[in-house]
């Protein structure tokens, strides 16, 4: 688990928690693609790995609406579950791109 906090929270320690100093009001920091990938992708993979090591058999992964029902074509309602990811639509948004990749990796791991 990664926690973004404005200050140093070293008084709260847990082996599964990593504190990252930051501020959601700092738009430039939040736009950094590398940070988004690290938090969303690696954070997801860490959570899945920790759950597997703990013997968890089922896990609910909540992503974002930006990975589904997104299309450059006229949307259909309801959006089909097997619709392909619209990478070209979200390519310019690091948040959505990183969530999309995390979701794909989570689904691939779930199939194992």
N, C-alpha and C. Protein backbone atom coordinates (compact mmCIF):
# COMPACT_ATOMS: atom_id res chain seq x y z
N UNK A 1 0.85 -1.17 0.00
CA UNK A 1 0.00 0.00 0.00
C UNK A 1 0.90 1.23 0.00
N UNK A 2 0.60 2.14 -0.87
CA UNK A 2 1.33 3.41 -0.90
C UNK A 2 0.38 4.50 -0.43
N UNK A 3 0.86 5.29 0.49
CA UNK A 3 0.07 6.37 1.04
C UNK A 3 0.75 7.68 0.68
N UNK A 4 0.02 8.55 0.01
CA UNK A 4 0.56 9.88 -0.29
C UNK A 4 0.15 10.79 0.86
N UNK A 5 1.15 11.38 1.49
CA UNK A 5 0.90 12.25 2.64
C UNK A 5 1.72 13.52 2.50
N UNK A 6 1.20 14.60 3.07
CA UNK A 6 1.90 15.88 2.98
C UNK A 6 3.12 15.95 3.87
N UNK A 7 3.14 15.18 4.90
CA UNK A 7 4.26 15.26 5.84
C UNK A 7 4.89 13.90 6.08
N UNK A 8 5.92 13.88 6.88
CA UNK A 8 6.62 12.66 7.20
C UNK A 8 5.82 11.88 8.24
N UNK A 9 5.41 10.69 7.91
CA UNK A 9 4.60 9.87 8.82
C UNK A 9 5.37 8.64 9.29
N UNK A 10 6.64 8.80 9.56
CA UNK A 10 7.45 7.64 9.96
C UNK A 10 7.04 7.08 11.31
N UNK A 11 6.24 7.81 12.07
CA UNK A 11 5.78 7.27 13.36
C UNK A 11 4.79 6.13 13.15
N UNK A 12 4.14 6.10 11.99
CA UNK A 12 3.23 5.01 11.65
C UNK A 12 3.97 4.07 10.72
N UNK A 13 4.27 2.87 11.20
CA UNK A 13 5.02 1.94 10.38
C UNK A 13 4.28 0.62 10.24
N UNK A 14 4.34 0.08 9.06
CA UNK A 14 3.75 -1.21 8.77
C UNK A 14 4.55 -1.80 7.61
N UNK A 15 4.85 -3.08 7.61
CA UNK A 15 5.68 -3.65 6.55
C UNK A 15 5.06 -3.58 5.15
N UNK A 16 3.76 -3.43 5.06
CA UNK A 16 3.09 -3.38 3.75
C UNK A 16 2.74 -1.97 3.32
N UNK A 17 3.17 -0.96 4.09
CA UNK A 17 2.81 0.42 3.78
C UNK A 17 4.06 1.22 3.47
N UNK A 18 4.03 1.91 2.34
CA UNK A 18 5.11 2.82 1.99
C UNK A 18 4.52 4.22 1.91
N UNK A 19 5.09 5.13 2.66
CA UNK A 19 4.63 6.51 2.64
C UNK A 19 5.41 7.30 1.60
N UNK A 20 4.70 8.04 0.78
CA UNK A 20 5.30 8.88 -0.24
C UNK A 20 4.89 10.31 0.08
N UNK A 21 5.87 11.17 0.27
CA UNK A 21 5.54 12.55 0.59
C UNK A 21 5.06 13.25 -0.66
N UNK A 22 3.93 13.91 -0.56
CA UNK A 22 3.35 14.61 -1.69
C UNK A 22 2.11 15.35 -1.26
N UNK A 23 1.49 15.99 -2.22
CA UNK A 23 0.32 16.80 -1.94
C UNK A 23 -0.57 16.76 -3.17
N UNK A 24 -1.82 16.39 -3.01
CA UNK A 24 -2.71 16.32 -4.16
C UNK A 24 -2.98 17.70 -4.76
N UNK A 25 -2.60 18.72 -4.05
CA UNK A 25 -2.75 20.07 -4.59
C UNK A 25 -1.59 20.45 -5.51
N UNK A 26 -0.53 19.62 -5.54
CA UNK A 26 0.62 19.86 -6.40
C UNK A 26 0.36 19.17 -7.75
N UNK A 27 -0.26 19.90 -8.65
CA UNK A 27 -0.68 19.35 -9.93
C UNK A 27 0.50 18.83 -10.74
N UNK A 28 1.62 19.53 -10.73
CA UNK A 28 2.78 19.08 -11.50
C UNK A 28 3.28 17.72 -11.03
N UNK A 29 3.30 17.50 -9.73
CA UNK A 29 3.75 16.21 -9.21
C UNK A 29 2.79 15.10 -9.62
N UNK A 30 1.51 15.40 -9.60
CA UNK A 30 0.52 14.39 -9.95
C UNK A 30 0.52 14.06 -11.45
N UNK A 31 1.02 14.95 -12.27
CA UNK A 31 1.04 14.74 -13.71
C UNK A 31 2.25 13.94 -14.18
N UNK A 32 3.22 13.71 -13.31
CA UNK A 32 4.41 12.98 -13.70
C UNK A 32 4.05 11.54 -14.03
N UNK A 33 4.32 11.18 -15.25
CA UNK A 33 3.94 9.85 -15.72
C UNK A 33 4.61 8.75 -14.91
N UNK A 34 5.89 8.91 -14.60
CA UNK A 34 6.60 7.87 -13.86
C UNK A 34 5.97 7.64 -12.50
N UNK A 35 5.56 8.70 -11.83
CA UNK A 35 4.92 8.56 -10.52
C UNK A 35 3.59 7.82 -10.64
N UNK A 36 2.83 8.15 -11.67
CA UNK A 36 1.54 7.49 -11.87
C UNK A 36 1.73 6.00 -12.12
N UNK A 37 2.71 5.67 -12.95
CA UNK A 37 2.95 4.26 -13.25
C UNK A 37 3.39 3.53 -11.99
N UNK A 38 4.29 4.14 -11.24
CA UNK A 38 4.78 3.49 -10.03
C UNK A 38 3.65 3.26 -9.03
N UNK A 39 2.84 4.27 -8.82
CA UNK A 39 1.76 4.16 -7.84
C UNK A 39 0.67 3.21 -8.32
N UNK A 40 0.18 3.42 -9.53
CA UNK A 40 -0.97 2.64 -9.99
C UNK A 40 -0.60 1.23 -10.43
N UNK A 41 0.49 1.09 -11.19
CA UNK A 41 0.84 -0.24 -11.67
C UNK A 41 1.56 -1.05 -10.60
N UNK A 42 2.66 -0.53 -10.10
CA UNK A 42 3.42 -1.30 -9.12
C UNK A 42 2.63 -1.48 -7.82
N UNK A 43 1.88 -0.47 -7.45
CA UNK A 43 1.03 -0.59 -6.26
C UNK A 43 0.01 -1.71 -6.40
N UNK A 44 -0.60 -1.82 -7.57
CA UNK A 44 -1.56 -2.89 -7.83
C UNK A 44 -0.88 -4.25 -7.77
N UNK A 45 0.27 -4.36 -8.43
CA UNK A 45 0.98 -5.63 -8.44
C UNK A 45 1.44 -6.02 -7.03
N UNK A 46 1.86 -5.05 -6.25
CA UNK A 46 2.26 -5.33 -4.86
C UNK A 46 1.08 -5.85 -4.04
N UNK A 47 -0.08 -5.22 -4.22
CA UNK A 47 -1.27 -5.64 -3.47
C UNK A 47 -1.67 -7.06 -3.86
N UNK A 48 -1.60 -7.38 -5.14
CA UNK A 48 -1.95 -8.73 -5.60
C UNK A 48 -0.96 -9.76 -5.07
N UNK A 49 0.32 -9.43 -5.14
CA UNK A 49 1.36 -10.35 -4.65
C UNK A 49 1.20 -10.58 -3.14
N UNK A 50 0.98 -9.52 -2.39
CA UNK A 50 0.82 -9.66 -0.94
C UNK A 50 -0.42 -10.50 -0.62
N UNK A 51 -1.49 -10.29 -1.37
CA UNK A 51 -2.70 -11.07 -1.14
C UNK A 51 -2.46 -12.54 -1.44
N UNK A 52 -1.77 -12.82 -2.55
CA UNK A 52 -1.48 -14.22 -2.92
C UNK A 52 -0.61 -14.88 -1.86
N UNK A 53 0.41 -14.17 -1.39
CA UNK A 53 1.30 -14.73 -0.36
C UNK A 53 0.55 -14.98 0.95
N UNK A 54 -0.48 -14.21 1.20
CA UNK A 54 -1.27 -14.38 2.43
C UNK A 54 -2.35 -15.46 2.26
N UNK A 55 -2.42 -16.06 1.08
CA UNK A 55 -3.40 -17.12 0.85
C UNK A 55 -4.76 -16.62 0.44
N UNK A 56 -4.87 -15.36 0.08
CA UNK A 56 -6.16 -14.80 -0.36
C UNK A 56 -6.51 -15.43 -1.71
N UNK A 57 -7.69 -15.98 -1.80
CA UNK A 57 -8.11 -16.65 -3.03
C UNK A 57 -8.90 -15.73 -3.96
N UNK A 58 -9.53 -14.72 -3.40
CA UNK A 58 -10.32 -13.79 -4.22
C UNK A 58 -9.99 -12.37 -3.81
N UNK A 59 -10.01 -11.49 -4.78
CA UNK A 59 -9.67 -10.09 -4.52
C UNK A 59 -10.54 -9.23 -5.43
N UNK A 60 -11.03 -8.15 -4.91
CA UNK A 60 -11.78 -7.19 -5.71
C UNK A 60 -10.84 -6.07 -6.09
N UNK A 61 -10.69 -5.85 -7.37
CA UNK A 61 -9.83 -4.77 -7.85
C UNK A 61 -10.71 -3.69 -8.45
N UNK A 62 -10.70 -2.53 -7.85
CA UNK A 62 -11.50 -1.41 -8.34
C UNK A 62 -10.57 -0.47 -9.08
N UNK A 63 -10.81 -0.29 -10.34
CA UNK A 63 -9.95 0.54 -11.17
C UNK A 63 -10.55 1.94 -11.31
N UNK A 64 -10.89 2.32 -12.51
CA UNK A 64 -11.45 3.64 -12.77
C UNK A 64 -12.33 3.57 -14.00
N UNK A 65 -13.29 4.46 -14.10
CA UNK A 65 -14.17 4.46 -15.26
C UNK A 65 -13.43 4.80 -16.54
N UNK A 66 -12.23 5.35 -16.42
CA UNK A 66 -11.44 5.71 -17.60
C UNK A 66 -10.87 4.53 -18.34
N UNK A 67 -11.06 3.31 -17.84
CA UNK A 67 -10.56 2.13 -18.54
C UNK A 67 -11.67 1.38 -19.27
N UNK A 68 -12.91 1.74 -19.00
CA UNK A 68 -14.04 1.07 -19.65
C UNK A 68 -14.96 2.11 -20.25
N UNK A 69 -15.75 1.67 -21.18
CA UNK A 69 -16.74 2.55 -21.82
C UNK A 69 -16.10 3.79 -22.40
N UNK A 70 -14.88 3.63 -22.90
CA UNK A 70 -14.16 4.73 -23.53
C UNK A 70 -13.93 4.34 -24.98
N UNK A 71 -14.30 5.21 -25.88
CA UNK A 71 -14.15 4.89 -27.29
C UNK A 71 -14.10 6.17 -28.10
N UNK A 72 -13.40 6.11 -29.22
CA UNK A 72 -13.43 7.27 -30.12
C UNK A 72 -14.65 7.21 -31.04
N UNK A 73 -15.34 6.08 -30.99
CA UNK A 73 -16.57 5.91 -31.76
C UNK A 73 -17.77 6.24 -30.88
N UNK A 74 -18.93 6.29 -31.47
CA UNK A 74 -20.17 6.53 -30.73
C UNK A 74 -20.34 5.42 -29.70
N UNK A 75 -20.48 5.76 -28.42
CA UNK A 75 -20.60 4.72 -27.39
C UNK A 75 -21.93 3.97 -27.48
N UNK A 76 -21.88 2.72 -27.09
CA UNK A 76 -23.10 1.91 -26.99
C UNK A 76 -23.41 1.71 -25.52
N UNK A 77 -24.67 1.62 -25.22
CA UNK A 77 -25.08 1.41 -23.83
C UNK A 77 -25.95 0.17 -23.80
N UNK A 78 -25.68 -0.80 -22.99
CA UNK A 78 -24.51 -0.88 -22.12
C UNK A 78 -23.25 -1.19 -22.92
N UNK A 79 -22.12 -0.77 -22.41
CA UNK A 79 -20.83 -1.01 -23.05
C UNK A 79 -20.46 -2.48 -22.83
N UNK A 80 -20.11 -3.21 -23.87
CA UNK A 80 -19.85 -4.65 -23.69
C UNK A 80 -18.60 -4.91 -22.84
N UNK A 81 -18.68 -5.92 -21.97
CA UNK A 81 -17.57 -6.27 -21.10
C UNK A 81 -16.33 -6.71 -21.87
N UNK A 82 -16.52 -7.28 -23.04
CA UNK A 82 -15.38 -7.78 -23.81
C UNK A 82 -14.85 -6.76 -24.82
N UNK A 83 -15.27 -5.51 -24.71
CA UNK A 83 -14.77 -4.47 -25.61
C UNK A 83 -13.28 -4.27 -25.37
N UNK A 84 -12.52 -4.03 -26.44
CA UNK A 84 -11.08 -3.82 -26.25
C UNK A 84 -10.80 -2.49 -25.55
N UNK A 85 -9.66 -2.44 -24.88
CA UNK A 85 -9.25 -1.19 -24.25
C UNK A 85 -8.95 -0.15 -25.32
N UNK A 86 -9.33 1.08 -25.06
CA UNK A 86 -9.12 2.18 -26.02
C UNK A 86 -7.83 2.92 -25.68
N UNK A 87 -6.70 2.25 -25.91
CA UNK A 87 -5.39 2.84 -25.57
C UNK A 87 -5.18 4.20 -26.24
N UNK A 88 -5.59 4.31 -27.49
CA UNK A 88 -5.36 5.56 -28.22
C UNK A 88 -6.15 6.72 -27.63
N UNK A 89 -7.27 6.43 -27.00
CA UNK A 89 -8.10 7.48 -26.41
C UNK A 89 -7.48 8.01 -25.12
N UNK A 90 -6.89 7.13 -24.32
CA UNK A 90 -6.34 7.54 -23.02
C UNK A 90 -4.83 7.77 -23.05
N UNK A 91 -4.20 7.62 -24.20
CA UNK A 91 -2.74 7.69 -24.32
C UNK A 91 -2.14 8.98 -23.75
N UNK A 92 -2.84 10.07 -23.83
CA UNK A 92 -2.29 11.35 -23.35
C UNK A 92 -2.54 11.62 -21.88
N UNK A 93 -3.18 10.71 -21.19
CA UNK A 93 -3.47 10.88 -19.77
C UNK A 93 -2.75 9.80 -18.97
N UNK A 94 -1.65 10.14 -18.33
CA UNK A 94 -0.88 9.14 -17.57
C UNK A 94 -1.72 8.39 -16.53
N UNK A 95 -2.64 9.07 -15.87
CA UNK A 95 -3.46 8.40 -14.87
C UNK A 95 -4.24 7.26 -15.49
N UNK A 96 -5.00 7.55 -16.54
CA UNK A 96 -5.82 6.52 -17.17
C UNK A 96 -4.97 5.44 -17.82
N UNK A 97 -3.86 5.82 -18.45
CA UNK A 97 -2.98 4.83 -19.07
C UNK A 97 -2.41 3.88 -18.03
N UNK A 98 -1.98 4.42 -16.90
CA UNK A 98 -1.41 3.56 -15.87
C UNK A 98 -2.47 2.67 -15.22
N UNK A 99 -3.67 3.18 -15.05
CA UNK A 99 -4.75 2.37 -14.50
C UNK A 99 -5.15 1.26 -15.48
N UNK A 100 -5.15 1.59 -16.76
CA UNK A 100 -5.47 0.60 -17.78
C UNK A 100 -4.44 -0.53 -17.74
N UNK A 101 -3.16 -0.20 -17.69
CA UNK A 101 -2.13 -1.23 -17.64
C UNK A 101 -2.23 -2.05 -16.35
N UNK A 102 -2.50 -1.39 -15.24
CA UNK A 102 -2.64 -2.11 -13.98
C UNK A 102 -3.82 -3.07 -14.04
N UNK A 103 -4.91 -2.63 -14.64
CA UNK A 103 -6.09 -3.48 -14.76
C UNK A 103 -5.79 -4.69 -15.64
N UNK A 104 -5.11 -4.47 -16.74
CA UNK A 104 -4.76 -5.59 -17.61
C UNK A 104 -3.87 -6.61 -16.89
N UNK A 105 -2.90 -6.11 -16.15
CA UNK A 105 -1.99 -7.01 -15.42
C UNK A 105 -2.75 -7.76 -14.33
N UNK A 106 -3.66 -7.08 -13.65
CA UNK A 106 -4.45 -7.73 -12.60
C UNK A 106 -5.31 -8.85 -13.21
N UNK A 107 -5.92 -8.56 -14.34
CA UNK A 107 -6.77 -9.57 -15.00
C UNK A 107 -5.92 -10.75 -15.46
N UNK A 108 -4.75 -10.49 -15.98
CA UNK A 108 -3.86 -11.58 -16.44
C UNK A 108 -3.44 -12.46 -15.25
N UNK A 109 -3.14 -11.84 -14.14
CA UNK A 109 -2.76 -12.60 -12.95
C UNK A 109 -3.94 -13.40 -12.40
N UNK A 110 -5.13 -12.85 -12.53
CA UNK A 110 -6.33 -13.54 -12.03
C UNK A 110 -6.61 -14.80 -12.84
N UNK A 111 -6.21 -14.82 -14.11
CA UNK A 111 -6.46 -15.97 -14.96
C UNK A 111 -5.51 -17.13 -14.66
N UNK A 112 -4.44 -16.87 -13.93
CA UNK A 112 -3.47 -17.93 -13.59
C UNK A 112 -3.98 -18.84 -12.52
